[in-house]
Amino acid sequence: MGAIMKSRISGKQISMSDLMFSISEAMDIAHHKLALHQLRTAYICWKMAEEAALPPAQIEKLFLAAMLHDIGAFTAQEKISHYDFEANNCERHCLRGALIYSQVPWLARSAKMVRLHHTPWCRCSESIGAPDVLEAQMLMLAESLEREIDRDTHILNQSSALRERIRNQAGSLIHVRVVELFLCVSENEAFWLELTTPNLMNFLKYKGPVQHIYGDAAAALKMEEFFTAIIDFRSKYTATHTAGVSSCTSSLGVLLGLPESERLELNLAATLHDLGKIGVPNEILEKPGRLTPQEFAMIKMHSYLTFTLLDSVKGLEDVARIAGSHHEKLDGSGYPFRIESDEISTSSRIVAVSDVFTALAEDRPYRDGLAPKQIRQIMQEMVSRRHLDGRIVEHLLGNVDEVVRAMKVRQQQWSERYFNVVSMNGGAFGSL
């Protein structure tokens, strides 16, 4: 079970399965109604798949589908709006999710399950014996069940009612065989207590069916489309931000003469630097006016959340420190660690400069992108105040035309991909 991904560039092995757990957890942080939703759904699927005696490889496919099944719903509000299967058209987020899955070779095999996970049995055009249909029905049952759990009531005081509700869906929303599988696995209290344990992620990490998927930094960078979709495609204002930071960082790594192994790690950190923004509600990211102290605290949390999410992934500890420090300042006034210059690595300084440069050039809800002259002035002021590294800023501004040219090409590509994915026109990622 599992897979090992290798590239021509050797390097530290990264646990991609750990990374999937971290992303799954992060995607459900933005609203209390979503807490552990995807991991609980994955647990239910796993138990039903074992009851059905599916082959280990098929159980793994289903588990991977369940872990991030809502990846095509870009906001917490969109996810919550799908609580009522009958009242909402969930087709678009299922299509988006399948397309995003299809970009990662070891996730692509789960794409059909994601595509069908909101298709009621009464509207399914394939037989239960068709490839991945049984599993998609398990995923639909598991998500439907998890959404019905009242987080304010002890699970053992609602398990009977939940079982009855699923029983009543047999033959209409859910295939009878799948309902029977669920009724078998949910007879005992242990199922319900494991499902709702606060320690569910660690339990699944070490006991679940997906534990051994590894790759190096080069392999992880090939997942750029996947990472960018979940981090940046939540808003038109952030749709090309990671692409800009990543491009600028890549250019600076070359201009500063960093060795290839360091540039790989640096570029991965730039790609993942805003992973923690998954936990920031969209109404804050898109607010046109001044943020309240509470809202700004949520924004400041994102770099620490990036650090903790990545630091829990085997092989990404150094990337976590680089990415989590992109808002630190040389004078110690940055966040979240308040570290000073001697503790801030060159890689972290590069990502910080790239992040500021990209942010100043972008349109934001509260202002249009700034002119080059304004950007230069602001960045030079930040150097004089010891907020940014002067040597790195000098390399950037001294080669600004070349850096911006590469950034614009990259950001235009991602702008087109964003509008394709959001609108579902033109096959979305088809040209990648």
Protein backbone atom coordinates (compact mmCIF):
# COMPACT_ATOMS: atom_id res chain seq x y z
CA MET A 1 0.00 0.00 0.00
CA GLY A 2 1.17 3.53 -0.66
CA ALA A 3 3.68 4.82 -3.15
CA ILE A 4 7.21 6.12 -3.37
CA MET A 5 7.76 9.02 -5.80
CA LYS A 6 11.28 9.68 -7.01
CA SER A 7 12.83 12.28 -9.28
CA ARG A 8 16.20 12.71 -10.91
CA ILE A 9 17.06 15.26 -8.23
CA SER A 10 17.77 13.43 -5.02
CA GLY A 11 16.83 15.01 -1.73
CA LYS A 12 15.17 14.66 1.62
CA GLN A 13 12.11 12.43 1.47
CA ILE A 14 8.83 14.17 2.29
CA SER A 15 5.80 12.35 3.65
CA MET A 16 3.11 13.29 1.14
CA SER A 17 0.57 11.39 3.22
CA ASP A 18 1.40 13.60 6.24
CA LEU A 19 0.97 16.62 3.97
CA MET A 20 -2.49 15.43 2.90
CA PHE A 21 -3.50 15.08 6.56
CA SER A 22 -2.30 18.61 7.30
CA ILE A 23 -4.16 20.06 4.32
CA SER A 24 -7.31 18.14 5.24
CA GLU A 25 -7.18 19.53 8.76
CA ALA A 26 -6.49 23.06 7.53
CA MET A 27 -9.37 23.09 5.08
CA ASP A 28 -11.84 22.55 7.92
CA ILE A 29 -10.45 25.15 10.35
CA ALA A 30 -12.25 28.19 8.94
CA HIS A 31 -15.64 27.34 10.52
CA HIS A 32 -16.58 25.36 13.63
CA LYS A 33 -19.28 23.46 11.73
CA LEU A 34 -16.57 21.99 9.51
CA ALA A 35 -14.12 20.88 12.20
CA LEU A 36 -12.62 17.50 11.21
CA HIS A 37 -15.39 17.05 8.63
CA GLN A 38 -13.20 15.50 5.96
CA LEU A 39 -11.19 13.30 8.32
CA ARG A 40 -14.38 11.99 9.92
CA THR A 41 -15.76 11.29 6.46
CA ALA A 42 -12.55 9.40 5.62
CA TYR A 43 -12.87 7.34 8.81
CA ILE A 44 -16.43 6.27 7.96
CA CYS A 45 -15.38 5.34 4.42
CA TRP A 46 -12.44 3.31 5.70
CA LYS A 47 -14.61 1.28 8.06
CA MET A 48 -17.23 0.57 5.38
CA ALA A 49 -14.54 -0.38 2.86
CA GLU A 50 -13.05 -2.86 5.33
CA GLU A 51 -16.50 -4.32 5.97
CA ALA A 52 -16.92 -4.74 2.21
CA ALA A 53 -13.54 -6.52 2.08
CA LEU A 54 -12.25 -4.23 -0.66
CA PRO A 55 -8.64 -4.73 -1.79
CA PRO A 56 -6.11 -2.54 0.11
CA ALA A 57 -5.35 -0.46 -3.00
CA GLN A 58 -9.04 0.36 -3.45
CA ILE A 59 -9.42 1.22 0.24
CA GLU A 60 -6.49 3.62 -0.13
CA LYS A 61 -8.10 5.24 -3.20
CA LEU A 62 -11.35 5.79 -1.31
CA PHE A 63 -9.59 7.12 1.79
CA LEU A 64 -7.61 9.63 -0.31
CA ALA A 65 -10.83 10.73 -2.03
CA ALA A 66 -12.54 11.27 1.32
CA MET A 67 -9.66 13.16 2.95
CA LEU A 68 -10.04 16.13 0.60
CA HIS A 69 -13.40 15.49 -1.02
CA ASP A 70 -14.52 19.14 -0.59
CA ILE A 71 -11.40 20.56 -2.23
CA GLY A 72 -13.55 21.99 -5.04
CA ALA A 73 -15.60 24.09 -2.59
CA PHE A 74 -13.29 27.08 -2.17
CA THR A 75 -14.90 28.77 0.85
CA ALA A 76 -16.36 27.70 4.18
CA GLN A 77 -19.67 29.26 3.14
CA GLU A 78 -19.77 27.14 0.00
CA LYS A 79 -19.09 23.98 1.99
CA ILE A 80 -21.76 24.76 4.56
CA SER A 81 -24.30 25.58 1.83
CA HIS A 82 -24.00 21.97 0.64
CA TYR A 83 -25.30 20.53 3.89
CA ASP A 84 -28.68 19.95 2.24
CA PHE A 85 -28.08 17.58 -0.65
CA GLU A 86 -31.57 18.14 -2.08
CA ALA A 87 -31.67 21.93 -1.87
CA ASN A 88 -28.35 22.76 -3.49
CA ASN A 89 -26.68 21.98 -6.75
CA CYS A 90 -23.32 20.55 -5.73
CA GLU A 91 -22.26 19.60 -9.25
CA ARG A 92 -19.80 22.46 -9.74
CA HIS A 93 -17.68 21.80 -6.66
CA CYS A 94 -17.61 18.07 -7.44
CA LEU A 95 -16.32 18.83 -10.95
CA ARG A 96 -13.74 21.26 -9.61
CA GLY A 97 -12.58 18.75 -7.04
CA ALA A 98 -12.18 15.98 -9.61
CA LEU A 99 -10.21 18.31 -11.88
CA ILE A 100 -7.88 19.35 -9.07
CA TYR A 101 -7.35 15.71 -8.07
CA SER A 102 -6.57 14.80 -11.66
CA GLN A 103 -3.42 16.97 -11.58
CA VAL A 104 -1.62 14.72 -9.06
CA PRO A 105 -0.75 11.24 -10.38
CA TRP A 106 -1.29 9.43 -7.09
CA LEU A 107 -4.57 11.30 -6.43
CA ALA A 108 -5.91 11.13 -10.00
CA ARG A 109 -7.14 7.57 -9.44
CA SER A 110 -9.52 8.93 -6.76
CA ALA A 111 -10.92 11.69 -9.00
CA LYS A 112 -14.03 9.80 -10.12
CA MET A 113 -15.08 9.19 -6.51
CA VAL A 114 -14.76 12.92 -5.80
CA ARG A 115 -16.70 13.68 -8.98
CA LEU A 116 -19.63 11.47 -7.91
CA HIS A 117 -19.70 12.08 -4.16
CA HIS A 118 -22.88 14.21 -4.32
CA THR A 119 -24.68 12.10 -6.93
CA PRO A 120 -27.74 10.40 -5.32
CA TRP A 121 -28.18 6.76 -6.23
CA CYS A 122 -31.52 7.51 -7.90
CA ARG A 123 -29.69 9.80 -10.36
CA CYS A 124 -26.59 7.69 -10.93
CA SER A 125 -26.22 6.58 -14.55
CA GLU A 126 -23.87 3.68 -13.79
CA SER A 127 -24.35 0.32 -12.09
CA ILE A 128 -23.10 -0.27 -8.56
CA GLY A 129 -20.56 -2.68 -10.04
CA ALA A 130 -18.99 -0.06 -12.32
CA PRO A 131 -15.48 1.12 -11.38
CA ASP A 132 -15.46 3.37 -8.28
CA VAL A 133 -19.27 3.72 -8.11
CA LEU A 134 -19.64 1.63 -4.95
CA GLU A 135 -16.89 3.68 -3.34
CA ALA A 136 -18.45 6.98 -4.46
CA GLN A 137 -21.69 5.88 -2.79
CA MET A 138 -19.75 5.11 0.40
CA LEU A 139 -18.29 8.61 0.23
CA MET A 140 -21.72 10.14 -0.26
CA LEU A 141 -23.13 8.26 2.74
CA ALA A 142 -20.14 9.15 4.89
CA GLU A 143 -20.33 12.86 4.08
CA SER A 144 -24.11 12.93 4.55
CA LEU A 145 -23.80 11.23 7.92
CA GLU A 146 -20.97 13.45 9.16
CA ARG A 147 -22.87 16.61 8.25
CA GLU A 148 -25.82 15.43 10.37
CA ILE A 149 -23.77 15.03 13.56
CA ASP A 150 -24.67 17.59 16.21
CA ARG A 151 -21.38 18.78 17.68
CA ASP A 152 -23.11 19.97 20.87
CA THR A 153 -24.67 16.59 21.72
CA HIS A 154 -22.76 13.51 22.88
CA ILE A 155 -22.43 11.15 19.96
CA LEU A 156 -23.85 8.14 21.84
CA ASN A 157 -27.03 10.11 22.46
CA GLN A 158 -27.61 10.63 18.74
CA SER A 159 -26.15 7.51 17.12
CA SER A 160 -29.49 5.64 16.97
CA ALA A 161 -31.24 8.55 15.26
CA LEU A 162 -28.35 8.92 12.82
CA ARG A 163 -28.49 5.22 11.94
CA GLU A 164 -32.23 5.48 11.34
CA ARG A 165 -31.81 8.52 9.12
CA ILE A 166 -29.31 6.66 6.94
CA ARG A 167 -31.56 3.57 6.89
CA ASN A 168 -34.34 5.74 5.44
CA GLN A 169 -32.08 6.84 2.57
CA ALA A 170 -31.64 3.28 1.27
CA GLY A 171 -32.59 2.92 -2.38
CA SER A 172 -33.04 6.64 -3.01
CA LEU A 173 -30.00 8.69 -1.95
CA ILE A 174 -27.80 5.69 -1.14
CA HIS A 175 -27.57 2.20 -2.65
CA VAL A 176 -29.05 -0.47 -0.38
CA ARG A 177 -25.77 -2.41 -0.20
CA VAL A 178 -23.88 0.64 1.03
CA VAL A 179 -26.50 1.36 3.69
CA GLU A 180 -26.21 -2.25 4.87
CA LEU A 181 -22.43 -1.91 5.14
CA PHE A 182 -22.83 1.21 7.25
CA LEU A 183 -25.41 -0.39 9.55
CA CYS A 184 -23.01 -3.27 10.17
CA VAL A 185 -20.00 -1.12 11.09
CA SER A 186 -21.99 1.35 13.20
CA GLU A 187 -23.62 -1.18 15.56
CA ASN A 188 -21.05 -0.73 18.32
CA GLU A 189 -20.18 2.27 20.45
CA ALA A 190 -16.48 2.08 19.54
CA PHE A 191 -17.24 3.16 15.97
CA TRP A 192 -18.98 6.33 17.12
CA LEU A 193 -16.41 7.14 19.82
CA GLU A 194 -13.50 6.71 17.42
CA LEU A 195 -15.32 8.81 14.84
CA THR A 196 -15.66 11.76 17.22
CA THR A 197 -12.39 11.55 19.14
CA PRO A 198 -10.46 14.85 19.17
CA ASN A 199 -7.36 12.77 18.42
CA LEU A 200 -8.80 11.47 15.14
CA MET A 201 -6.03 12.81 12.89
CA ASN A 202 -3.24 11.07 14.81
CA PHE A 203 -5.32 7.89 14.99
CA LEU A 204 -5.78 7.88 11.22
CA LYS A 205 -2.16 8.85 10.57
CA TYR A 206 -0.79 5.86 12.43
CA LYS A 207 -3.60 3.33 12.13
CA GLY A 208 -5.36 4.29 8.89
CA PRO A 209 -4.88 2.88 5.38
CA VAL A 210 -2.67 5.70 4.01
CA GLN A 211 0.72 6.03 5.68
CA HIS A 212 3.56 5.57 3.21
CA ILE A 213 3.47 8.04 0.32
CA TYR A 214 6.80 9.81 -0.08
CA GLY A 215 8.50 12.18 -2.51
CA ASP A 216 11.26 14.76 -2.55
CA ALA A 217 11.03 18.55 -3.01
CA ALA A 218 11.08 18.23 -6.80
CA ALA A 219 8.13 15.81 -6.68
CA ALA A 220 6.26 18.10 -4.28
CA LEU A 221 6.77 21.08 -6.59
CA LYS A 222 5.03 19.14 -9.35
CA MET A 223 1.91 19.49 -7.17
CA GLU A 224 1.97 23.28 -7.63
CA GLU A 225 -1.40 23.28 -9.41
CA PHE A 226 -2.93 21.38 -6.50
CA PHE A 227 -1.46 23.64 -3.81
CA THR A 228 -2.32 26.84 -5.66
CA ALA A 229 -5.92 25.79 -6.18
CA ILE A 230 -6.55 25.20 -2.48
CA ILE A 231 -4.55 28.19 -1.23
CA ASP A 232 -5.25 30.94 -3.77
CA PHE A 233 -8.35 30.06 -5.78
CA ARG A 234 -10.65 30.98 -2.89
CA SER A 235 -10.65 34.63 -4.03
CA LYS A 236 -9.99 36.59 -7.21
CA TYR A 237 -7.73 38.84 -5.11
CA THR A 238 -5.40 35.99 -4.19
CA ALA A 239 -5.75 33.89 -7.35
CA THR A 240 -2.27 34.68 -8.66
CA HIS A 241 -0.46 35.61 -5.43
CA THR A 242 1.42 32.35 -4.90
CA ALA A 243 2.35 32.26 -8.59
CA GLY A 244 3.87 35.73 -8.23
CA VAL A 245 5.74 34.96 -5.01
CA SER A 246 6.97 31.66 -6.40
CA SER A 247 8.19 33.26 -9.63
CA CYS A 248 9.92 36.14 -7.83
CA THR A 249 11.53 33.73 -5.35
CA SER A 250 12.77 31.51 -8.16
CA SER A 251 14.34 34.48 -9.95
CA LEU A 252 16.02 35.71 -6.76
CA GLY A 253 17.39 32.25 -5.98
CA VAL A 254 19.18 32.27 -9.33
CA LEU A 255 20.32 35.90 -9.06
CA LEU A 256 21.78 35.25 -5.60
CA GLY A 257 23.61 32.17 -6.84
CA LEU A 258 21.98 29.63 -4.52
CA PRO A 259 22.77 25.97 -5.28
CA GLU A 260 20.05 23.94 -6.97
CA SER A 261 19.20 21.87 -3.88
CA GLU A 262 18.59 25.05 -1.86
CA ARG A 263 16.52 26.58 -4.66
CA LEU A 264 14.24 23.53 -4.73
CA GLU A 265 13.55 23.83 -1.01
CA LEU A 266 13.18 27.61 -1.32
CA ASN A 267 10.71 27.35 -4.20
CA LEU A 268 8.65 24.79 -2.30
CA ALA A 269 8.53 27.13 0.71
CA ALA A 270 7.39 29.98 -1.55
CA THR A 271 4.68 27.76 -3.05
CA LEU A 272 3.40 26.83 0.43
CA HIS A 273 4.04 30.10 2.29
CA ASP A 274 0.34 31.02 2.54
CA LEU A 275 -1.00 27.53 3.29
CA GLY A 276 -2.25 28.84 6.64
CA LYS A 277 -4.63 31.24 4.88
CA ILE A 278 -6.89 28.23 4.33
CA GLY A 279 -7.92 28.85 7.94
CA VAL A 280 -8.81 32.52 7.38
CA PRO A 281 -12.46 33.19 6.44
CA ASN A 282 -13.03 34.69 2.98
CA GLU A 283 -14.97 37.64 4.35
CA ILE A 284 -11.72 38.77 5.98
CA LEU A 285 -9.54 38.11 2.91
CA GLU A 286 -11.96 40.09 0.72
CA LYS A 287 -12.93 42.87 3.12
CA PRO A 288 -12.67 46.22 1.27
CA GLY A 289 -12.27 48.35 4.40
CA ARG A 290 -10.00 48.48 7.44
CA LEU A 291 -9.76 45.25 9.42
CA THR A 292 -10.90 45.14 13.04
CA PRO A 293 -8.32 44.05 15.66
CA GLN A 294 -10.03 40.64 15.75
CA GLU A 295 -9.84 40.29 11.96
CA PHE A 296 -6.21 41.39 11.84
CA ALA A 297 -5.39 38.82 14.52
CA MET A 298 -6.88 36.16 12.22
CA ILE A 299 -4.68 37.39 9.37
CA LYS A 300 -1.57 37.34 11.57
CA MET A 301 -2.35 33.77 12.58
CA HIS A 302 -1.85 32.49 9.02
CA SER A 303 1.96 32.39 9.01
CA TYR A 304 2.02 30.47 12.30
CA LEU A 305 -0.61 28.08 10.98
CA THR A 306 1.54 27.58 7.87
CA PHE A 307 4.46 26.69 10.14
CA THR A 308 2.54 24.22 12.30
CA LEU A 309 0.87 22.51 9.33
CA LEU A 310 4.18 21.99 7.53
CA ASP A 311 6.26 21.24 10.62
CA SER A 312 4.07 18.18 11.29
CA VAL A 313 5.04 16.73 7.89
CA LYS A 314 8.10 14.48 7.90
CA GLY A 315 10.76 16.00 5.66
CA LEU A 316 9.26 19.51 5.57
CA GLU A 317 10.67 20.84 8.83
CA ASP A 318 13.12 23.20 7.09
CA VAL A 319 10.47 24.31 4.59
CA ALA A 320 8.14 24.99 7.55
CA ARG A 321 10.67 27.36 9.11
CA ILE A 322 11.23 29.21 5.84
CA ALA A 323 7.54 29.51 4.95
CA GLY A 324 6.41 30.28 8.51
CA SER A 325 8.91 33.17 8.81
CA HIS A 326 7.88 35.16 5.75
CA HIS A 327 6.41 37.94 7.92
CA GLU A 328 9.40 38.22 10.25
CA LYS A 329 11.47 41.45 10.13
CA LEU A 330 15.18 41.93 10.67
CA ASP A 331 14.56 44.32 13.60
CA GLY A 332 12.48 41.68 15.44
CA SER A 333 9.12 43.44 15.01
CA GLY A 334 7.62 40.85 12.66
CA TYR A 335 5.38 37.88 13.43
CA PRO A 336 4.64 35.22 14.57
CA PHE A 337 7.96 34.44 16.33
CA ARG A 338 9.41 37.98 16.75
CA ILE A 339 12.83 36.66 15.79
CA GLU A 340 15.67 39.00 14.79
CA SER A 341 18.09 39.06 11.87
CA ASP A 342 20.56 36.47 13.14
CA GLU A 343 17.74 33.91 13.37
CA ILE A 344 16.17 34.64 9.97
CA SER A 345 17.63 32.49 7.21
CA THR A 346 18.52 33.78 3.75
CA SER A 347 15.71 31.66 2.31
CA SER A 348 13.15 33.21 4.67
CA ARG A 349 14.42 36.68 3.75
CA ILE A 350 14.01 35.91 0.04
CA VAL A 351 10.41 34.73 0.50
CA ALA A 352 9.66 37.82 2.63
CA VAL A 353 10.98 40.17 -0.08
CA SER A 354 9.09 38.28 -2.79
CA ASP A 355 5.87 38.36 -0.76
CA VAL A 356 6.05 42.11 -0.18
CA PHE A 357 6.95 42.86 -3.79
CA THR A 358 4.12 40.70 -5.15
CA ALA A 359 1.56 42.04 -2.67
CA LEU A 360 2.37 45.67 -3.50
CA ALA A 361 1.95 45.03 -7.22
CA GLU A 362 -1.38 43.18 -6.88
CA ASP A 363 -4.91 44.54 -6.76
CA ARG A 364 -6.40 44.11 -3.30
CA PRO A 365 -10.00 44.62 -2.09
CA TYR A 366 -9.01 47.95 -0.52
CA ARG A 367 -6.67 49.31 -3.26
CA ASP A 368 -5.36 48.83 -6.79
CA GLY A 369 -1.87 47.52 -7.45
CA LEU A 370 0.83 50.15 -6.94
CA ALA A 371 3.01 51.70 -9.64
CA PRO A 372 6.66 50.55 -9.93
CA LYS A 373 7.98 53.84 -8.55
CA GLN A 374 5.80 53.52 -5.44
CA ILE A 375 6.84 49.90 -4.94
CA ARG A 376 10.52 50.82 -5.17
CA GLN A 377 10.10 53.64 -2.64
CA ILE A 378 8.17 51.50 -0.15
CA MET A 379 10.65 48.62 -0.34
CA GLN A 380 13.65 50.93 0.11
CA GLU A 381 11.93 52.44 3.17
CA MET A 382 11.40 48.93 4.54
CA VAL A 383 15.13 48.27 4.09
CA SER A 384 16.04 51.48 5.94
CA ARG A 385 13.75 50.44 8.81
CA ARG A 386 15.38 46.98 8.88
CA HIS A 387 12.21 45.20 7.87
CA LEU A 388 13.67 43.66 4.70
CA ASP A 389 17.14 42.48 3.70
CA GLY A 390 18.86 45.26 1.71
CA ARG A 391 21.08 42.92 -0.33
CA ILE A 392 18.12 40.89 -1.55
CA VAL A 393 16.04 43.98 -2.30
CA GLU A 394 19.00 45.42 -4.22
CA HIS A 395 19.21 42.27 -6.38
CA LEU A 396 15.46 42.45 -6.98
CA LEU A 397 15.30 46.15 -7.89
CA GLY A 398 18.48 45.92 -9.93
CA ASN A 399 16.92 43.23 -12.10
CA VAL A 400 13.31 44.30 -11.73
CA ASP A 401 12.37 44.22 -15.43
CA GLU A 402 13.57 40.63 -15.80
CA VAL A 403 11.86 39.53 -12.57
CA VAL A 404 8.57 41.26 -13.42
CA ARG A 405 8.56 39.84 -16.94
CA ALA A 406 8.77 36.29 -15.59
CA MET A 407 6.16 37.06 -12.90
CA LYS A 408 3.65 38.43 -15.40
CA VAL A 409 3.90 35.35 -17.59
CA ARG A 410 3.39 33.07 -14.61
CA GLN A 411 0.55 35.11 -13.14
CA GLN A 412 -1.27 35.36 -16.47
CA GLN A 413 -1.18 31.57 -16.74
CA TRP A 414 -2.64 31.23 -13.26
CA SER A 415 -5.25 33.93 -13.89
CA GLU A 416 -6.54 31.94 -16.85
CA ARG A 417 -6.53 28.73 -14.83
CA TYR A 418 -8.39 30.41 -11.99
CA PHE A 419 -11.22 31.66 -14.20
CA ASN A 420 -11.42 28.30 -15.96
CA VAL A 421 -11.69 26.40 -12.69
CA VAL A 422 -14.13 28.80 -11.08
CA SER A 423 -16.39 28.99 -14.14
CA MET A 424 -15.77 25.36 -15.19
CA ASN A 425 -15.28 26.54 -18.79
CA GLY A 426 -12.78 25.07 -21.19
CA GLY A 427 -11.87 21.99 -19.22
CA ALA A 428 -10.06 23.94 -16.50
CA PHE A 429 -6.59 22.42 -16.07
CA GLY A 430 -6.70 20.63 -19.40
CA SER A 431 -3.68 22.42 -20.87
CA LEU A 432 -1.31 21.64 -18.01
